[in-house]
Amino acid sequence: MLLRAVNEERREHHKCPIIFIGHSFGGIIIKEAICLAETDKQYRDILDDTIGIIFLGTPHQGSNVSQFGAFIARLTWVFGSSTILLKGLYRDNPPLSDLQERFMSVIRRRKDIKLVTMYEKHHTYFAQLIYLGFIVERNAAVLDVAENIAVEKDHMGLNKCASPNDPAYDAICQGINRIRDHAESRGWKKKYLKWSERSRL
């Protein structure tokens, strides 16, 4: 679904470099999309144009707190909560580990894709009452091949920016700038300039 949405957007605009940003489970969805884009020809150009990915508190190795979240979801099923996604994020979940291996294989082959991970520095409280600690601990959120940035927020605040002075806003801007600098050093401006010139012919 993510790749189809990106394709539809690209039909409306000229080709341009892509930066994916995903919070928590959204980061897992991006990893699945990147793996699919390498094997499915109709999405290959999306992978070719991806210059970077920013993961906001993504549990690459799973999270112990997801089990508590699944328990809460079972209690609140009447309000539409689902345990399916949370169960997929359990610590040491084999499908999650398999996805990580496949994703890293793609990244090793695609040296142009810059990875940035961000992790919370503050503990999270459920409903501001129940102490949960770190939803995604640092060692589950960071990657050896990425630039890893600590953010002065709890897990829920990593993707919420109240103003340009918000620590999350500053961290995301840092991540985008680092991806842009990396891409420029690999010559992406020349590549996309050629496409824009071609589109005017």
C-alpha atoms as a PDB file:
ATOM      1  CA  MET A   1       0.000   0.000   0.000  1.00  0.00           C
ATOM      2  CA  LEU A   2       2.848   2.402   0.836  1.00  0.00           C
ATOM      3  CA  LEU A   3       4.573   1.790  -2.496  1.00  0.00           C
ATOM      4  CA  ARG A   4       1.312   2.246  -4.418  1.00  0.00           C
ATOM      5  CA  ALA A   5       0.722   5.566  -2.650  1.00  0.00           C
ATOM      6  CA  VAL A   6       4.229   6.755  -3.511  1.00  0.00           C
ATOM      7  CA  ASN A   7       3.759   5.692  -7.139  1.00  0.00           C
ATOM      8  CA  GLU A   8       0.479   7.611  -7.398  1.00  0.00           C
ATOM      9  CA  GLU A   9       2.103  10.730  -5.978  1.00  0.00           C
ATOM     10  CA  ARG A  10       4.976  10.440  -8.434  1.00  0.00           C
ATOM     11  CA  ARG A  11       2.570  10.297 -11.377  1.00  0.00           C
ATOM     12  CA  GLU A  12       1.477  13.816 -10.443  1.00  0.00           C
ATOM     13  CA  HIS A  13       5.009  15.187 -10.133  1.00  0.00           C
ATOM     14  CA  HIS A  14       8.396  14.776 -11.734  1.00  0.00           C
ATOM     15  CA  LYS A  15      10.860  12.310 -10.302  1.00  0.00           C
ATOM     16  CA  CYS A  16      12.661  13.539  -7.233  1.00  0.00           C
ATOM     17  CA  PRO A  17      14.747  12.106  -4.411  1.00  0.00           C
ATOM     18  CA  ILE A  18      12.760  10.277  -1.723  1.00  0.00           C
ATOM     19  CA  ILE A  19      13.265  10.326   2.048  1.00  0.00           C
ATOM     20  CA  PHE A  20      11.068   7.971   4.062  1.00  0.00           C
ATOM     21  CA  ILE A  21      10.285   8.831   7.702  1.00  0.00           C
ATOM     22  CA  GLY A  22       8.580   6.275   9.944  1.00  0.00           C
ATOM     23  CA  HIS A  23       7.656   6.261  13.631  1.00  0.00           C
ATOM     24  CA  SER A  24       7.677   2.965  15.542  1.00  0.00           C
ATOM     25  CA  PHE A  25       5.664   0.410  13.517  1.00  0.00           C
ATOM     26  CA  GLY A  26       5.721   2.776  10.526  1.00  0.00           C
ATOM     27  CA  GLY A  27       9.457   2.128  10.331  1.00  0.00           C
ATOM     28  CA  ILE A  28       8.763  -1.612  10.037  1.00  0.00           C
ATOM     29  CA  ILE A  29       6.342  -0.917   7.164  1.00  0.00           C
ATOM     30  CA  ILE A  30       9.016   1.144   5.386  1.00  0.00           C
ATOM     31  CA  LYS A  31      11.510  -1.723   5.722  1.00  0.00           C
ATOM     32  CA  GLU A  32       9.002  -4.149   4.202  1.00  0.00           C
ATOM     33  CA  ALA A  33       8.338  -1.687   1.361  1.00  0.00           C
ATOM     34  CA  ILE A  34      12.058  -1.308   0.621  1.00  0.00           C
ATOM     35  CA  CYS A  35      12.487  -5.095   0.461  1.00  0.00           C
ATOM     36  CA  LEU A  36       9.483  -5.414  -1.863  1.00  0.00           C
ATOM     37  CA  ALA A  37      10.704  -2.577  -4.099  1.00  0.00           C
ATOM     38  CA  GLU A  38      13.922  -4.471  -4.783  1.00  0.00           C
ATOM     39  CA  THR A  39      12.095  -7.588  -5.984  1.00  0.00           C
ATOM     40  CA  ASP A  40       9.090  -6.014  -7.771  1.00  0.00           C
ATOM     41  CA  LYS A  41       9.987  -4.254 -11.026  1.00  0.00           C
ATOM     42  CA  GLN A  42       7.014  -1.889 -10.907  1.00  0.00           C
ATOM     43  CA  TYR A  43       8.464  -0.304  -7.746  1.00  0.00           C
ATOM     44  CA  ARG A  44      12.162  -0.514  -8.573  1.00  0.00           C
ATOM     45  CA  ASP A  45      12.433   3.170  -9.500  1.00  0.00           C
ATOM     46  CA  ILE A  46      11.165   4.087  -6.006  1.00  0.00           C
ATOM     47  CA  LEU A  47      14.105   2.208  -4.543  1.00  0.00           C
ATOM     48  CA  ASP A  48      16.447   3.823  -7.071  1.00  0.00           C
ATOM     49  CA  ASP A  49      15.270   7.285  -6.008  1.00  0.00           C
ATOM     50  CA  THR A  50      15.381   6.654  -2.245  1.00  0.00           C
ATOM     51  CA  ILE A  51      18.251   8.635  -0.763  1.00  0.00           C
ATOM     52  CA  GLY A  52      17.488   8.114   2.909  1.00  0.00           C
ATOM     53  CA  ILE A  53      15.293   6.709   5.665  1.00  0.00           C
ATOM     54  CA  ILE A  54      14.677   8.202   9.104  1.00  0.00           C
ATOM     55  CA  PHE A  55      13.481   5.757  11.772  1.00  0.00           C
ATOM     56  CA  LEU A  56      11.784   7.375  14.786  1.00  0.00           C
ATOM     57  CA  GLY A  57      11.874   4.927  17.680  1.00  0.00           C
ATOM     58  CA  THR A  58      11.559   1.897  15.409  1.00  0.00           C
ATOM     59  CA  PRO A  59      11.992  -1.373  17.360  1.00  0.00           C
ATOM     60  CA  HIS A  60      14.307  -3.145  14.922  1.00  0.00           C
ATOM     61  CA  GLN A  61      14.853  -5.889  17.507  1.00  0.00           C
ATOM     62  CA  GLY A  62      11.337  -5.745  18.961  1.00  0.00           C
ATOM     63  CA  SER A  63      10.131  -4.283  22.247  1.00  0.00           C
ATOM     64  CA  ASN A  64       9.246  -5.870  25.576  1.00  0.00           C
ATOM     65  CA  VAL A  65       6.644  -3.152  26.133  1.00  0.00           C
ATOM     66  CA  SER A  66       4.689  -4.298  23.055  1.00  0.00           C
ATOM     67  CA  GLN A  67       3.435  -7.233  25.173  1.00  0.00           C
ATOM     68  CA  PHE A  68       1.968  -4.764  27.683  1.00  0.00           C
ATOM     69  CA  GLY A  69       0.503  -2.798  24.766  1.00  0.00           C
ATOM     70  CA  ALA A  70      -1.164  -5.946  23.427  1.00  0.00           C
ATOM     71  CA  PHE A  71      -2.665  -6.561  26.880  1.00  0.00           C
ATOM     72  CA  ILE A  72      -4.074  -3.015  26.959  1.00  0.00           C
ATOM     73  CA  ALA A  73      -5.421  -3.469  23.411  1.00  0.00           C
ATOM     74  CA  ARG A  74      -7.259  -6.638  24.501  1.00  0.00           C
ATOM     75  CA  LEU A  75      -8.826  -4.727  27.369  1.00  0.00           C
ATOM     76  CA  THR A  76      -9.923  -1.905  25.060  1.00  0.00           C
ATOM     77  CA  TRP A  77     -11.013  -3.979  22.039  1.00  0.00           C
ATOM     78  CA  VAL A  78     -14.492  -2.475  22.289  1.00  0.00           C
ATOM     79  CA  PHE A  79     -12.940   0.863  21.223  1.00  0.00           C
ATOM     80  CA  GLY A  80     -11.368  -0.688  18.149  1.00  0.00           C
ATOM     81  CA  SER A  81      -7.905  -1.514  19.496  1.00  0.00           C
ATOM     82  CA  SER A  82      -6.057  -4.348  17.769  1.00  0.00           C
ATOM     83  CA  THR A  83      -3.295  -6.611  19.083  1.00  0.00           C
ATOM     84  CA  ILE A  84      -2.135  -7.820  15.658  1.00  0.00           C
ATOM     85  CA  LEU A  85       0.420  -5.078  15.017  1.00  0.00           C
ATOM     86  CA  LEU A  86       1.705  -5.054  18.579  1.00  0.00           C
ATOM     87  CA  LYS A  87       2.220  -8.826  18.660  1.00  0.00           C
ATOM     88  CA  GLY A  88       4.423  -8.457  15.606  1.00  0.00           C
ATOM     89  CA  LEU A  89       6.793  -6.259  17.628  1.00  0.00           C
ATOM     90  CA  TYR A  90       7.526  -8.674  20.475  1.00  0.00           C
ATOM     91  CA  ARG A  91      11.196  -8.911  21.407  1.00  0.00           C
ATOM     92  CA  ASP A  92      13.121 -11.565  19.400  1.00  0.00           C
ATOM     93  CA  ASN A  93      10.151 -12.194  17.100  1.00  0.00           C
ATOM     94  CA  PRO A  94      11.474 -14.450  14.229  1.00  0.00           C
ATOM     95  CA  PRO A  95       9.562 -12.639  11.421  1.00  0.00           C
ATOM     96  CA  LEU A  96      10.923  -9.306  12.699  1.00  0.00           C
ATOM     97  CA  SER A  97      14.473 -10.682  12.734  1.00  0.00           C
ATOM     98  CA  ASP A  98      14.006 -12.098   9.225  1.00  0.00           C
ATOM     99  CA  LEU A  99      12.780  -8.723   7.937  1.00  0.00           C
ATOM    100  CA  GLN A 100      15.791  -7.011   9.500  1.00  0.00           C
ATOM    101  CA  GLU A 101      18.174  -9.394   7.722  1.00  0.00           C
ATOM    102  CA  ARG A 102      16.459  -8.889   4.358  1.00  0.00           C
ATOM    103  CA  PHE A 103      16.376  -5.115   4.811  1.00  0.00           C
ATOM    104  CA  MET A 104      20.059  -4.921   5.737  1.00  0.00           C
ATOM    105  CA  SER A 105      20.929  -7.015   2.674  1.00  0.00           C
ATOM    106  CA  VAL A 106      19.203  -4.415   0.500  1.00  0.00           C
ATOM    107  CA  ILE A 107      21.001  -1.559   2.281  1.00  0.00           C
ATOM    108  CA  ARG A 108      24.394  -3.212   1.823  1.00  0.00           C
ATOM    109  CA  ARG A 109      23.751  -3.544  -1.891  1.00  0.00           C
ATOM    110  CA  ARG A 110      22.325  -0.003  -2.103  1.00  0.00           C
ATOM    111  CA  LYS A 111      25.145   2.029  -0.624  1.00  0.00           C
ATOM    112  CA  ASP A 112      23.466   5.304  -1.669  1.00  0.00           C
ATOM    113  CA  ILE A 113      20.690   5.007   0.941  1.00  0.00           C
ATOM    114  CA  LYS A 114      21.563   6.905   4.122  1.00  0.00           C
ATOM    115  CA  LEU A 115      19.980   5.643   7.341  1.00  0.00           C
ATOM    116  CA  VAL A 116      19.259   7.801  10.401  1.00  0.00           C
ATOM    117  CA  THR A 117      17.746   6.384  13.589  1.00  0.00           C
ATOM    118  CA  MET A 118      16.331   8.368  16.496  1.00  0.00           C
ATOM    119  CA  TYR A 119      15.622   7.060  19.959  1.00  0.00           C
ATOM    120  CA  GLU A 120      13.887   8.445  23.027  1.00  0.00           C
ATOM    121  CA  LYS A 121      15.816   9.762  26.018  1.00  0.00           C
ATOM    122  CA  HIS A 122      12.798   9.983  28.343  1.00  0.00           C
ATOM    123  CA  HIS A 123      10.579   7.307  29.866  1.00  0.00           C
ATOM    124  CA  THR A 124       6.989   6.957  28.721  1.00  0.00           C
ATOM    125  CA  TYR A 125       3.895   6.889  30.959  1.00  0.00           C
ATOM    126  CA  PHE A 126       0.633   5.246  29.854  1.00  0.00           C
ATOM    127  CA  ALA A 127      -2.234   7.734  30.352  1.00  0.00           C
ATOM    128  CA  GLN A 128       0.296   9.824  32.329  1.00  0.00           C
ATOM    129  CA  LEU A 129      -0.145   7.376  35.219  1.00  0.00           C
ATOM    130  CA  ILE A 130       1.444   4.004  34.501  1.00  0.00           C
ATOM    131  CA  TYR A 131       5.214   3.968  34.166  1.00  0.00           C
ATOM    132  CA  LEU A 132       6.338   2.074  31.040  1.00  0.00           C
ATOM    133  CA  GLY A 133       9.993   3.068  30.915  1.00  0.00           C
ATOM    134  CA  PHE A 134      11.547   3.106  27.468  1.00  0.00           C
ATOM    135  CA  ILE A 135       9.061   1.799  24.882  1.00  0.00           C
ATOM    136  CA  VAL A 136      11.942   1.150  22.482  1.00  0.00           C
ATOM    137  CA  GLU A 137      15.271   0.902  24.232  1.00  0.00           C
ATOM    138  CA  ARG A 138      18.337   2.409  22.587  1.00  0.00           C
ATOM    139  CA  ASN A 139      19.887  -0.935  21.636  1.00  0.00           C
ATOM    140  CA  ALA A 140      16.671  -1.945  19.835  1.00  0.00           C
ATOM    141  CA  ALA A 141      16.292   1.378  18.008  1.00  0.00           C
ATOM    142  CA  VAL A 142      19.811   2.006  16.684  1.00  0.00           C
ATOM    143  CA  LEU A 143      21.576   0.407  13.728  1.00  0.00           C
ATOM    144  CA  ASP A 144      25.316  -0.062  13.291  1.00  0.00           C
ATOM    145  CA  VAL A 145      25.176   1.305   9.737  1.00  0.00           C
ATOM    146  CA  ALA A 146      23.107   4.385  10.638  1.00  0.00           C
ATOM    147  CA  GLU A 147      23.659   7.769  12.214  1.00  0.00           C
ATOM    148  CA  ASN A 148      21.980   7.450  15.591  1.00  0.00           C
ATOM    149  CA  ILE A 149      20.480  10.499  17.286  1.00  0.00           C
ATOM    150  CA  ALA A 150      19.175  10.730  20.866  1.00  0.00           C
ATOM    151  CA  VAL A 151      16.078  12.930  21.222  1.00  0.00           C
ATOM    152  CA  GLU A 152      14.925  14.674  24.419  1.00  0.00           C
ATOM    153  CA  LYS A 153      11.424  13.173  24.161  1.00  0.00           C
ATOM    154  CA  ASP A 154       9.515  10.089  25.253  1.00  0.00           C
ATOM    155  CA  HIS A 155       8.481   7.498  22.660  1.00  0.00           C
ATOM    156  CA  MET A 156       5.122   9.093  21.881  1.00  0.00           C
ATOM    157  CA  GLY A 157       6.735  12.501  21.373  1.00  0.00           C
ATOM    158  CA  LEU A 158       9.276  11.448  18.758  1.00  0.00           C
ATOM    159  CA  ASN A 159       6.890  12.257  15.902  1.00  0.00           C
ATOM    160  CA  LYS A 160       5.144  15.240  17.502  1.00  0.00           C
ATOM    161  CA  CYS A 161       6.631  18.679  16.930  1.00  0.00           C
ATOM    162  CA  ALA A 162       4.959  21.501  18.814  1.00  0.00           C
ATOM    163  CA  SER A 163       7.181  24.173  17.232  1.00  0.00           C
ATOM    164  CA  PRO A 164      10.520  24.641  15.417  1.00  0.00           C
ATOM    165  CA  ASN A 165      12.080  24.739  18.895  1.00  0.00           C
ATOM    166  CA  ASP A 166      10.796  21.250  19.705  1.00  0.00           C
ATOM    167  CA  PRO A 167      13.618  18.682  20.188  1.00  0.00           C
ATOM    168  CA  ALA A 168      11.874  16.285  17.777  1.00  0.00           C
ATOM    169  CA  TYR A 169      11.668  18.982  15.078  1.00  0.00           C
ATOM    170  CA  ASP A 170      15.347  19.791  15.488  1.00  0.00           C
ATOM    171  CA  ALA A 171      16.332  16.099  15.352  1.00  0.00           C
ATOM    172  CA  ILE A 172      14.280  15.417  12.205  1.00  0.00           C
ATOM    173  CA  CYS A 173      15.794  18.475  10.499  1.00  0.00           C
ATOM    174  CA  GLN A 174      19.260  17.197  11.448  1.00  0.00           C
ATOM    175  CA  GLY A 175      18.411  13.827   9.948  1.00  0.00           C
ATOM    176  CA  ILE A 176      17.135  15.322   6.696  1.00  0.00           C
ATOM    177  CA  ASN A 177      20.220  17.539   6.400  1.00  0.00           C
ATOM    178  CA  ARG A 178      22.561  14.598   6.955  1.00  0.00           C
ATOM    179  CA  ILE A 179      20.757  12.580   4.297  1.00  0.00           C
ATOM    180  CA  ARG A 180      20.885  15.538   1.904  1.00  0.00           C
ATOM    181  CA  ASP A 181      24.611  16.051   2.511  1.00  0.00           C
ATOM    182  CA  HIS A 182      25.279  12.353   1.945  1.00  0.00           C
ATOM    183  CA  ALA A 183      23.227  12.344  -1.252  1.00  0.00           C
ATOM    184  CA  GLU A 184      24.958  15.459  -2.560  1.00  0.00           C
ATOM    185  CA  SER A 185      28.341  13.835  -1.951  1.00  0.00           C
ATOM    186  CA  ARG A 186      27.134  10.909  -4.116  1.00  0.00           C
ATOM    187  CA  GLY A 187      26.136  13.206  -6.992  1.00  0.00           C
ATOM    188  CA  TRP A 188      22.342  13.145  -6.716  1.00  0.00           C
ATOM    189  CA  LYS A 189      21.954  16.787  -7.811  1.00  0.00           C
ATOM    190  CA  LYS A 190      23.439  15.996 -11.204  1.00  0.00           C
ATOM    191  CA  LYS A 191      21.134  12.975 -11.579  1.00  0.00           C
ATOM    192  CA  TYR A 192      17.913  14.853 -10.806  1.00  0.00           C
ATOM    193  CA  LEU A 193      18.947  17.918 -12.799  1.00  0.00           C
ATOM    194  CA  LYS A 194      19.120  15.694 -15.872  1.00  0.00           C
ATOM    195  CA  TRP A 195      15.588  14.425 -15.178  1.00  0.00           C
ATOM    196  CA  SER A 196      14.202  17.939 -14.727  1.00  0.00           C
ATOM    197  CA  GLU A 197      15.826  19.099 -17.961  1.00  0.00           C
ATOM    198  CA  ARG A 198      14.385  16.078 -19.783  1.00  0.00           C
ATOM    199  CA  SER A 199      10.882  16.831 -18.464  1.00  0.00           C
ATOM    200  CA  ARG A 200      10.941  20.265 -20.126  1.00  0.00           C
ATOM    201  CA  LEU A 201      11.680  18.850 -23.591  1.00  0.00           C
END
